[in-house]
Amino acid sequence: MQARRDAIAAALAAPATAEERARLKQDIIALYREADSAAAHYAAFKESIKQLVTDWKSAEAGMPVVARPPAETAKAAGPVSSSRIDHLGASTFIEKGWSKLSLGDAEGAEVALRRALELAPGDNESETLLGWAQMLQQQYDSALLTFHNVLMRDPQHALARTNVGFICMRKRIYGEAIEHLSRAIRLDTDRKATLYAHLYLGMVYSEREMYDDAESFFRRALELGPNLLQAWYELGRARWFAHRPEEARAAWREGAEANKFNPWGKRCAEMLVFVDQGGIPARDA
């Protein structure tokens, strides 16, 4: 598989016709699926080793152990069946990961979401949130690879596409950022993706100093998710740089009063104190 990956990489670096590029695309998809299958086999094999631990504990306690013939062991290491993929257990870690993301604990979220993927390899929701956690730690290349894995399986995955748009914005590739975020909004298949796509589009237009457009997207984000206090924070910044300081203060005040325990509520309160003491917000958020 490594040799095939290297061969595809070499072919991509050389001039190619449209037909050859189409063939390379199919080769990449086939190789990815094979690697995904290998990962599932590996996960199943790890589960079979856990059974050995259980057997060892039984033997240590003097309890009888059922012998496992080679054929059964081989079967355990074969394709992962629905009984071996613990979606219920994974859902607990997905919820934990999302909770930590909401609290701004990206590192803790990554730990929980990697555990979710151990329990349910290839789960799109777990992998998308993992990419989000990597993104918030500014591990942009790792996050892009994670989102790419999801989009290879599901090109219409709105949340993965939204976060690819955010990374493009951070890399200042504004045209691609707008394209990805606008597509996520048009898909409108995931409330969370639609909400954050509006927030991130507002940030794109704010960075491009198109403050009226930015404000309209931030306001729409707040209509979709009144608890998304980051939108109040970013709305305040857009108003400040549009030379409307009192309106900026009003936005930060709204965010601070909405939830003083929320990380973005705290940032709104801190920004209010900062500007009241004569500070000037940095243009690079």
C-alpha atoms as a PDB file:
ATOM      1  CA  MET A   1       0.000   0.000   0.000  1.00  0.00           C
ATOM      2  CA  GLN A   2       2.885   2.356   0.770  1.00  0.00           C
ATOM      3  CA  ALA A   3       4.427   1.573  -2.633  1.00  0.00           C
ATOM      4  CA  ARG A   4       1.102   2.278  -4.359  1.00  0.00           C
ATOM      5  CA  ARG A   5       0.771   5.557  -2.445  1.00  0.00           C
ATOM      6  CA  ASP A   6       4.294   6.599  -3.542  1.00  0.00           C
ATOM      7  CA  ALA A   7       3.536   5.650  -7.158  1.00  0.00           C
ATOM      8  CA  ILE A   8       0.394   7.810  -7.154  1.00  0.00           C
ATOM      9  CA  ALA A   9       2.337  10.703  -5.605  1.00  0.00           C
ATOM     10  CA  ALA A  10       4.975  10.421  -8.345  1.00  0.00           C
ATOM     11  CA  ALA A  11       2.303  10.318 -11.045  1.00  0.00           C
ATOM     12  CA  LEU A  12       0.618  13.424  -9.628  1.00  0.00           C
ATOM     13  CA  ALA A  13       3.918  15.307  -9.763  1.00  0.00           C
ATOM     14  CA  ALA A  14       4.285  14.591 -13.493  1.00  0.00           C
ATOM     15  CA  PRO A  15       2.292  16.140 -16.381  1.00  0.00           C
ATOM     16  CA  ALA A  16      -0.907  14.185 -17.012  1.00  0.00           C
ATOM     17  CA  THR A  17      -3.890  14.219 -19.337  1.00  0.00           C
ATOM     18  CA  ALA A  18      -7.442  14.661 -18.061  1.00  0.00           C
ATOM     19  CA  GLU A  19      -8.008  10.915 -18.562  1.00  0.00           C
ATOM     20  CA  GLU A  20      -4.896  10.057 -16.531  1.00  0.00           C
ATOM     21  CA  ARG A  21      -5.956  12.427 -13.722  1.00  0.00           C
ATOM     22  CA  ALA A  22      -9.382  10.775 -13.629  1.00  0.00           C
ATOM     23  CA  ARG A  23      -7.691   7.378 -13.327  1.00  0.00           C
ATOM     24  CA  LEU A  24      -5.456   8.668 -10.536  1.00  0.00           C
ATOM     25  CA  LYS A  25      -8.536   9.890  -8.679  1.00  0.00           C
ATOM     26  CA  GLN A  26     -10.002   6.384  -8.808  1.00  0.00           C
ATOM     27  CA  ASP A  27      -6.666   4.919  -7.673  1.00  0.00           C
ATOM     28  CA  ILE A  28      -6.637   7.278  -4.668  1.00  0.00           C
ATOM     29  CA  ILE A  29     -10.212   6.329  -3.728  1.00  0.00           C
ATOM     30  CA  ALA A  30      -9.433   2.607  -4.038  1.00  0.00           C
ATOM     31  CA  LEU A  31      -6.275   2.940  -1.949  1.00  0.00           C
ATOM     32  CA  TYR A  32      -8.082   4.941   0.707  1.00  0.00           C
ATOM     33  CA  ARG A  33     -10.824   2.322   0.971  1.00  0.00           C
ATOM     34  CA  GLU A  34      -8.233  -0.430   1.278  1.00  0.00           C
ATOM     35  CA  ALA A  35      -6.419   1.498   4.028  1.00  0.00           C
ATOM     36  CA  ASP A  36      -9.737   2.114   5.790  1.00  0.00           C
ATOM     37  CA  SER A  37     -10.508  -1.602   5.642  1.00  0.00           C
ATOM     38  CA  ALA A  38      -7.052  -2.413   7.015  1.00  0.00           C
ATOM     39  CA  ALA A  39      -7.659  -0.002   9.896  1.00  0.00           C
ATOM     40  CA  ALA A  40     -10.955  -1.761  10.656  1.00  0.00           C
ATOM     41  CA  HIS A  41      -9.187  -5.147  10.646  1.00  0.00           C
ATOM     42  CA  TYR A  42      -6.584  -3.751  13.010  1.00  0.00           C
ATOM     43  CA  ALA A  43      -9.268  -2.420  15.356  1.00  0.00           C
ATOM     44  CA  ALA A  44     -10.931  -5.840  15.412  1.00  0.00           C
ATOM     45  CA  PHE A  45      -7.599  -7.519  16.145  1.00  0.00           C
ATOM     46  CA  LYS A  46      -7.058  -5.159  19.093  1.00  0.00           C
ATOM     47  CA  GLU A  47     -10.463  -6.184  20.419  1.00  0.00           C
ATOM     48  CA  SER A  48      -9.463  -9.859  20.182  1.00  0.00           C
ATOM     49  CA  ILE A  49      -6.400  -9.110  22.332  1.00  0.00           C
ATOM     50  CA  LYS A  50      -8.636  -7.584  25.000  1.00  0.00           C
ATOM     51  CA  GLN A  51     -10.369 -10.979  25.207  1.00  0.00           C
ATOM     52  CA  LEU A  52      -6.977 -12.529  25.962  1.00  0.00           C
ATOM     53  CA  VAL A  53      -6.637 -10.113  28.890  1.00  0.00           C
ATOM     54  CA  THR A  54     -10.021 -11.261  30.190  1.00  0.00           C
ATOM     55  CA  ASP A  55      -8.956 -14.904  29.789  1.00  0.00           C
ATOM     56  CA  TRP A  56      -5.695 -14.233  31.642  1.00  0.00           C
ATOM     57  CA  LYS A  57      -7.580 -12.693  34.557  1.00  0.00           C
ATOM     58  CA  SER A  58      -9.855 -15.742  34.662  1.00  0.00           C
ATOM     59  CA  ALA A  59      -6.868 -18.098  34.673  1.00  0.00           C
ATOM     60  CA  GLU A  60      -5.168 -16.046  37.405  1.00  0.00           C
ATOM     61  CA  ALA A  61      -8.296 -16.378  39.537  1.00  0.00           C
ATOM     62  CA  GLY A  62      -8.347 -20.139  39.013  1.00  0.00           C
ATOM     63  CA  MET A  63     -11.425 -20.051  36.763  1.00  0.00           C
ATOM     64  CA  PRO A  64     -11.706 -22.249  33.643  1.00  0.00           C
ATOM     65  CA  VAL A  65     -10.794 -20.633  30.328  1.00  0.00           C
ATOM     66  CA  VAL A  66     -12.404 -21.676  27.027  1.00  0.00           C
ATOM     67  CA  ALA A  67      -9.705 -22.503  24.487  1.00  0.00           C
ATOM     68  CA  ARG A  68      -9.843 -20.395  21.323  1.00  0.00           C
ATOM     69  CA  PRO A  69      -8.788 -22.277  18.180  1.00  0.00           C
ATOM     70  CA  PRO A  70      -6.771 -20.488  15.466  1.00  0.00           C
ATOM     71  CA  ALA A  71      -9.803 -20.321  13.158  1.00  0.00           C
ATOM     72  CA  GLU A  72     -11.775 -18.334  15.742  1.00  0.00           C
ATOM     73  CA  THR A  73      -8.859 -15.994  16.321  1.00  0.00           C
ATOM     74  CA  ALA A  74      -8.567 -15.421  12.593  1.00  0.00           C
ATOM     75  CA  LYS A  75     -12.277 -14.727  12.438  1.00  0.00           C
ATOM     76  CA  ALA A  76     -11.928 -12.196  15.249  1.00  0.00           C
ATOM     77  CA  ALA A  77      -9.239 -10.399  13.272  1.00  0.00           C
ATOM     78  CA  GLY A  78     -11.372 -10.362  10.117  1.00  0.00           C
ATOM     79  CA  PRO A  79     -13.795  -7.696   8.872  1.00  0.00           C
ATOM     80  CA  VAL A  80     -15.395  -5.703  11.659  1.00  0.00           C
ATOM     81  CA  SER A  81     -19.004  -6.699  12.229  1.00  0.00           C
ATOM     82  CA  SER A  82     -21.661  -4.449  13.709  1.00  0.00           C
ATOM     83  CA  SER A  83     -21.174  -6.181  17.073  1.00  0.00           C
ATOM     84  CA  ARG A  84     -17.503  -5.191  17.130  1.00  0.00           C
ATOM     85  CA  ILE A  85     -18.123  -1.532  16.270  1.00  0.00           C
ATOM     86  CA  ASP A  86     -19.381   0.010  19.474  1.00  0.00           C
ATOM     87  CA  HIS A  87     -21.409   2.964  18.203  1.00  0.00           C
ATOM     88  CA  LEU A  88     -23.191   3.317  21.535  1.00  0.00           C
ATOM     89  CA  GLY A  89     -19.904   3.554  23.408  1.00  0.00           C
ATOM     90  CA  ALA A  90     -18.520   5.894  20.765  1.00  0.00           C
ATOM     91  CA  SER A  91     -21.503   8.228  21.125  1.00  0.00           C
ATOM     92  CA  THR A  92     -20.542   8.877  24.751  1.00  0.00           C
ATOM     93  CA  PHE A  93     -17.096  10.065  23.689  1.00  0.00           C
ATOM     94  CA  ILE A  94     -18.565  12.092  20.800  1.00  0.00           C
ATOM     95  CA  GLU A  95     -20.768  13.972  23.272  1.00  0.00           C
ATOM     96  CA  LYS A  96     -17.790  14.445  25.579  1.00  0.00           C
ATOM     97  CA  GLY A  97     -15.689  15.732  22.674  1.00  0.00           C
ATOM     98  CA  TRP A  98     -18.360  18.213  21.575  1.00  0.00           C
ATOM     99  CA  SER A  99     -18.814  19.399  25.168  1.00  0.00           C
ATOM    100  CA  LYS A 100     -15.088  20.062  25.487  1.00  0.00           C
ATOM    101  CA  LEU A 101     -15.035  21.871  22.135  1.00  0.00           C
ATOM    102  CA  SER A 102     -17.864  24.103  23.371  1.00  0.00           C
ATOM    103  CA  LEU A 103     -15.811  24.926  26.468  1.00  0.00           C
ATOM    104  CA  GLY A 104     -12.724  25.721  24.402  1.00  0.00           C
ATOM    105  CA  ASP A 105     -10.792  22.618  25.528  1.00  0.00           C
ATOM    106  CA  ALA A 106      -9.568  21.469  22.106  1.00  0.00           C
ATOM    107  CA  GLU A 107      -6.872  19.164  23.503  1.00  0.00           C
ATOM    108  CA  GLY A 108      -9.349  17.376  25.771  1.00  0.00           C
ATOM    109  CA  ALA A 109     -11.775  17.109  22.867  1.00  0.00           C
ATOM    110  CA  GLU A 110      -9.119  15.475  20.695  1.00  0.00           C
ATOM    111  CA  VAL A 111      -8.465  12.790  23.342  1.00  0.00           C
ATOM    112  CA  ALA A 112     -12.192  11.978  23.628  1.00  0.00           C
ATOM    113  CA  LEU A 113     -12.753  11.921  19.866  1.00  0.00           C
ATOM    114  CA  ARG A 114      -9.782   9.666  19.179  1.00  0.00           C
ATOM    115  CA  ARG A 115     -11.320   7.244  21.690  1.00  0.00           C
ATOM    116  CA  ALA A 116     -14.634   7.478  19.816  1.00  0.00           C
ATOM    117  CA  LEU A 117     -12.842   6.541  16.586  1.00  0.00           C
ATOM    118  CA  GLU A 118     -11.230   3.551  18.296  1.00  0.00           C
ATOM    119  CA  LEU A 119     -14.716   2.313  19.154  1.00  0.00           C
ATOM    120  CA  ALA A 120     -16.238   3.159  15.751  1.00  0.00           C
ATOM    121  CA  PRO A 121     -13.497   3.467  13.084  1.00  0.00           C
ATOM    122  CA  GLY A 122     -14.409   5.657  10.124  1.00  0.00           C
ATOM    123  CA  ASP A 123     -17.314   7.385  11.863  1.00  0.00           C
ATOM    124  CA  ASN A 124     -17.851  10.680  10.028  1.00  0.00           C
ATOM    125  CA  GLU A 125     -19.143  12.630  13.022  1.00  0.00           C
ATOM    126  CA  SER A 126     -16.219  11.614  15.249  1.00  0.00           C
ATOM    127  CA  GLU A 127     -13.654  12.339  12.551  1.00  0.00           C
ATOM    128  CA  THR A 128     -15.176  15.717  11.674  1.00  0.00           C
ATOM    129  CA  LEU A 129     -15.153  16.831  15.308  1.00  0.00           C
ATOM    130  CA  LEU A 130     -11.579  15.522  15.626  1.00  0.00           C
ATOM    131  CA  GLY A 131     -10.602  17.736  12.688  1.00  0.00           C
ATOM    132  CA  TRP A 132     -12.338  20.645  14.431  1.00  0.00           C
ATOM    133  CA  ALA A 133     -10.291  20.015  17.586  1.00  0.00           C
ATOM    134  CA  GLN A 134      -7.094  19.921  15.509  1.00  0.00           C
ATOM    135  CA  MET A 135      -8.163  23.103  13.727  1.00  0.00           C
ATOM    136  CA  LEU A 136      -8.694  24.961  17.008  1.00  0.00           C
ATOM    137  CA  GLN A 137      -5.160  23.952  18.028  1.00  0.00           C
ATOM    138  CA  GLN A 138      -3.974  25.531  14.735  1.00  0.00           C
ATOM    139  CA  GLN A 139      -2.870  22.123  13.439  1.00  0.00           C
ATOM    140  CA  TYR A 140      -4.256  23.137  10.081  1.00  0.00           C
ATOM    141  CA  ASP A 141      -2.496  20.571   7.870  1.00  0.00           C
ATOM    142  CA  SER A 142      -3.533  17.685  10.129  1.00  0.00           C
ATOM    143  CA  ALA A 143      -7.084  19.038  10.266  1.00  0.00           C
ATOM    144  CA  LEU A 144      -7.267  19.341   6.467  1.00  0.00           C
ATOM    145  CA  LEU A 145      -6.202  15.704   6.111  1.00  0.00           C
ATOM    146  CA  THR A 146      -8.854  14.645   8.636  1.00  0.00           C
ATOM    147  CA  PHE A 147     -11.587  16.601   6.821  1.00  0.00           C
ATOM    148  CA  HIS A 148     -10.349  15.224   3.488  1.00  0.00           C
ATOM    149  CA  ASN A 149     -10.911  11.693   4.799  1.00  0.00           C
ATOM    150  CA  VAL A 150     -14.511  12.584   5.645  1.00  0.00           C
ATOM    151  CA  LEU A 151     -15.168  14.335   2.315  1.00  0.00           C
ATOM    152  CA  MET A 152     -13.729  11.371   0.404  1.00  0.00           C
ATOM    153  CA  ARG A 153     -16.440   9.226   2.003  1.00  0.00           C
ATOM    154  CA  ASP A 154     -19.154  11.883   1.837  1.00  0.00           C
ATOM    155  CA  PRO A 155     -18.561  14.896  -0.465  1.00  0.00           C
ATOM    156  CA  GLN A 156     -21.808  16.455   0.834  1.00  0.00           C
ATOM    157  CA  HIS A 157     -20.689  16.452   4.486  1.00  0.00           C
ATOM    158  CA  ALA A 158     -21.569  20.038   5.407  1.00  0.00           C
ATOM    159  CA  LEU A 159     -19.669  20.381   8.700  1.00  0.00           C
ATOM    160  CA  ALA A 160     -16.406  19.066   7.256  1.00  0.00           C
ATOM    161  CA  ARG A 161     -16.775  21.500   4.347  1.00  0.00           C
ATOM    162  CA  THR A 162     -17.527  24.387   6.723  1.00  0.00           C
ATOM    163  CA  ASN A 163     -14.324  23.766   8.621  1.00  0.00           C
ATOM    164  CA  VAL A 164     -12.283  23.453   5.434  1.00  0.00           C
ATOM    165  CA  GLY A 165     -13.639  26.926   4.653  1.00  0.00           C
ATOM    166  CA  PHE A 166     -12.436  28.191   8.036  1.00  0.00           C
ATOM    167  CA  ILE A 167      -8.917  26.831   7.409  1.00  0.00           C
ATOM    168  CA  CYS A 168      -8.852  28.464   3.963  1.00  0.00           C
ATOM    169  CA  MET A 169      -9.748  31.740   5.678  1.00  0.00           C
ATOM    170  CA  ARG A 170      -6.920  31.303   8.188  1.00  0.00           C
ATOM    171  CA  LYS A 171      -4.537  30.639   5.303  1.00  0.00           C
ATOM    172  CA  ARG A 172      -5.955  33.807   3.656  1.00  0.00           C
ATOM    173  CA  ILE A 173      -7.275  31.879   0.650  1.00  0.00           C
ATOM    174  CA  TYR A 174     -10.460  33.904   0.730  1.00  0.00           C
ATOM    175  CA  GLY A 175     -11.972  32.818  -2.581  1.00  0.00           C
ATOM    176  CA  GLU A 176     -11.873  29.127  -1.638  1.00  0.00           C
ATOM    177  CA  ALA A 177     -13.093  29.946   1.869  1.00  0.00           C
ATOM    178  CA  ILE A 178     -16.186  31.708   0.498  1.00  0.00           C
ATOM    179  CA  GLU A 179     -16.806  28.855  -1.947  1.00  0.00           C
ATOM    180  CA  HIS A 180     -16.711  26.150   0.760  1.00  0.00           C
ATOM    181  CA  LEU A 181     -18.753  28.131   3.287  1.00  0.00           C
ATOM    182  CA  SER A 182     -21.379  29.187   0.756  1.00  0.00           C
ATOM    183  CA  ARG A 183     -21.735  25.585  -0.380  1.00  0.00           C
ATOM    184  CA  ALA A 184     -22.259  24.430   3.210  1.00  0.00           C
ATOM    185  CA  ILE A 185     -25.032  27.022   3.602  1.00  0.00           C
ATOM    186  CA  ARG A 186     -26.673  25.924   0.338  1.00  0.00           C
ATOM    187  CA  LEU A 187     -26.560  22.273   1.439  1.00  0.00           C
ATOM    188  CA  ASP A 188     -28.322  23.207   4.700  1.00  0.00           C
ATOM    189  CA  THR A 189     -28.206  19.577   5.868  1.00  0.00           C
ATOM    190  CA  ASP A 190     -26.602  20.191   9.259  1.00  0.00           C
ATOM    191  CA  ARG A 191     -27.799  22.942  11.612  1.00  0.00           C
ATOM    192  CA  LYS A 192     -24.394  23.215  13.273  1.00  0.00           C
ATOM    193  CA  ALA A 193     -22.629  23.500   9.899  1.00  0.00           C
ATOM    194  CA  THR A 194     -25.061  26.172   8.669  1.00  0.00           C
ATOM    195  CA  LEU A 195     -24.630  28.142  11.893  1.00  0.00           C
ATOM    196  CA  TYR A 196     -20.828  28.140  11.812  1.00  0.00           C
ATOM    197  CA  ALA A 197     -20.701  28.741   8.056  1.00  0.00           C
ATOM    198  CA  HIS A 198     -22.502  32.057   8.660  1.00  0.00           C
ATOM    199  CA  LEU A 199     -20.114  32.912  11.504  1.00  0.00           C
ATOM    200  CA  TYR A 200     -17.031  32.096   9.431  1.00  0.00           C
ATOM    201  CA  LEU A 201     -18.318  33.967   6.368  1.00  0.00           C
ATOM    202  CA  GLY A 202     -18.758  36.989   8.607  1.00  0.00           C
ATOM    203  CA  MET A 203     -15.140  36.601   9.696  1.00  0.00           C
ATOM    204  CA  VAL A 204     -13.987  36.296   6.064  1.00  0.00           C
ATOM    205  CA  TYR A 205     -15.734  39.539   5.097  1.00  0.00           C
ATOM    206  CA  SER A 206     -14.482  41.259   8.249  1.00  0.00           C
ATOM    207  CA  GLU A 207     -10.891  40.328   7.365  1.00  0.00           C
ATOM    208  CA  ARG A 208     -11.499  41.734   3.885  1.00  0.00           C
ATOM    209  CA  GLU A 209     -12.779  44.954   5.529  1.00  0.00           C
ATOM    210  CA  MET A 210     -16.284  44.481   4.084  1.00  0.00           C
ATOM    211  CA  TYR A 211     -17.871  45.259   7.441  1.00  0.00           C
ATOM    212  CA  ASP A 212     -21.518  45.666   6.387  1.00  0.00           C
ATOM    213  CA  ASP A 213     -21.477  42.217   4.778  1.00  0.00           C
ATOM    214  CA  ALA A 214     -19.709  40.816   7.831  1.00  0.00           C
ATOM    215  CA  GLU A 215     -22.353  42.253  10.162  1.00  0.00           C
ATOM    216  CA  SER A 216     -25.203  40.703   8.166  1.00  0.00           C
ATOM    217  CA  PHE A 217     -23.631  37.231   8.491  1.00  0.00           C
ATOM    218  CA  PHE A 218     -22.945  37.661  12.218  1.00  0.00           C
ATOM    219  CA  ARG A 219     -26.558  38.749  12.784  1.00  0.00           C
ATOM    220  CA  ARG A 220     -27.822  35.753  10.822  1.00  0.00           C
ATOM    221  CA  ALA A 221     -25.579  33.480  12.915  1.00  0.00           C
ATOM    222  CA  LEU A 222     -27.132  34.923  16.078  1.00  0.00           C
ATOM    223  CA  GLU A 223     -30.635  34.357  14.694  1.00  0.00           C
ATOM    224  CA  LEU A 224     -29.757  30.704  14.032  1.00  0.00           C
ATOM    225  CA  GLY A 225     -27.935  30.219  17.339  1.00  0.00           C
ATOM    226  CA  PRO A 226     -28.497  32.841  20.048  1.00  0.00           C
ATOM    227  CA  ASN A 227     -26.032  30.996  22.310  1.00  0.00           C
ATOM    228  CA  LEU A 228     -23.186  31.349  19.801  1.00  0.00           C
ATOM    229  CA  LEU A 229     -21.523  34.152  21.746  1.00  0.00           C
ATOM    230  CA  GLN A 230     -18.499  34.181  19.453  1.00  0.00           C
ATOM    231  CA  ALA A 231     -20.768  35.954  16.960  1.00  0.00           C
ATOM    232  CA  TRP A 232     -21.248  38.847  19.442  1.00  0.00           C
ATOM    233  CA  TYR A 233     -17.480  39.031  19.912  1.00  0.00           C
ATOM    234  CA  GLU A 234     -16.793  39.098  16.154  1.00  0.00           C
ATOM    235  CA  LEU A 235     -19.672  41.517  15.530  1.00  0.00           C
ATOM    236  CA  GLY A 236     -18.085  43.904  18.026  1.00  0.00           C
ATOM    237  CA  ARG A 237     -14.761  43.672  16.208  1.00  0.00           C
ATOM    238  CA  ALA A 238     -16.393  44.360  12.828  1.00  0.00           C
ATOM    239  CA  ARG A 239     -18.155  47.427  14.223  1.00  0.00           C
ATOM    240  CA  TRP A 240     -14.987  48.674  15.910  1.00  0.00           C
ATOM    241  CA  PHE A 241     -12.970  48.554  12.680  1.00  0.00           C
ATOM    242  CA  ALA A 242     -15.880  50.174  10.838  1.00  0.00           C
ATOM    243  CA  HIS A 243     -15.308  53.152  13.205  1.00  0.00           C
ATOM    244  CA  ARG A 244     -18.485  52.551  15.233  1.00  0.00           C
ATOM    245  CA  PRO A 245     -16.964  52.073  18.728  1.00  0.00           C
ATOM    246  CA  GLU A 246     -20.165  52.565  20.715  1.00  0.00           C
ATOM    247  CA  GLU A 247     -21.999  49.961  18.666  1.00  0.00           C
ATOM    248  CA  ALA A 248     -18.994  47.670  19.132  1.00  0.00           C
ATOM    249  CA  ARG A 249     -19.243  48.104  22.909  1.00  0.00           C
ATOM    250  CA  ALA A 250     -22.962  47.330  22.716  1.00  0.00           C
ATOM    251  CA  ALA A 251     -22.214  44.023  20.927  1.00  0.00           C
ATOM    252  CA  TRP A 252     -19.557  42.992  23.469  1.00  0.00           C
ATOM    253  CA  ARG A 253     -21.897  43.979  26.292  1.00  0.00           C
ATOM    254  CA  GLU A 254     -24.635  41.751  24.841  1.00  0.00           C
ATOM    255  CA  GLY A 255     -22.196  38.846  24.628  1.00  0.00           C
ATOM    256  CA  ALA A 256     -20.874  39.368  28.149  1.00  0.00           C
ATOM    257  CA  GLU A 257     -24.355  39.611  29.667  1.00  0.00           C
ATOM    258  CA  ALA A 258     -25.679  36.578  27.776  1.00  0.00           C
ATOM    259  CA  ASN A 259     -23.459  34.145  29.705  1.00  0.00           C
ATOM    260  CA  LYS A 260     -20.581  35.324  31.882  1.00  0.00           C
ATOM    261  CA  PHE A 261     -19.329  31.739  32.295  1.00  0.00           C
ATOM    262  CA  ASN A 262     -19.072  31.023  28.569  1.00  0.00           C
ATOM    263  CA  PRO A 263     -15.490  31.416  27.192  1.00  0.00           C
ATOM    264  CA  TRP A 264     -16.699  33.866  24.521  1.00  0.00           C
ATOM    265  CA  GLY A 265     -18.864  35.706  27.062  1.00  0.00           C
ATOM    266  CA  LYS A 266     -15.703  36.163  29.123  1.00  0.00           C
ATOM    267  CA  ARG A 267     -13.794  37.400  26.072  1.00  0.00           C
ATOM    268  CA  CYS A 268     -16.532  39.935  25.368  1.00  0.00           C
ATOM    269  CA  ALA A 269     -16.292  41.193  28.973  1.00  0.00           C
ATOM    270  CA  GLU A 270     -12.492  41.348  28.773  1.00  0.00           C
ATOM    271  CA  MET A 271     -12.647  43.297  25.500  1.00  0.00           C
ATOM    272  CA  LEU A 272     -15.020  45.824  27.043  1.00  0.00           C
ATOM    273  CA  VAL A 273     -12.581  46.455  29.902  1.00  0.00           C
ATOM    274  CA  PHE A 274      -9.665  46.571  27.451  1.00  0.00           C
ATOM    275  CA  VAL A 275     -11.147  49.229  25.154  1.00  0.00           C
ATOM    276  CA  ASP A 276     -12.529  51.253  28.087  1.00  0.00           C
ATOM    277  CA  GLN A 277      -8.950  51.498  29.378  1.00  0.00           C
ATOM    278  CA  GLY A 278      -7.800  52.866  26.024  1.00  0.00           C
ATOM    279  CA  GLY A 279      -6.800  49.605  24.350  1.00  0.00           C
ATOM    280  CA  ILE A 280      -7.183  49.007  20.610  1.00  0.00           C
ATOM    281  CA  PRO A 281      -8.269  45.523  19.379  1.00  0.00           C
ATOM    282  CA  ALA A 282      -5.771  43.754  17.162  1.00  0.00           C
ATOM    283  CA  ARG A 283      -6.854  43.338  13.555  1.00  0.00           C
ATOM    284  CA  ASP A 284      -5.599  39.734  13.506  1.00  0.00           C
ATOM    285  CA  ALA A 285      -8.088  37.879  15.696  1.00  0.00           C
END
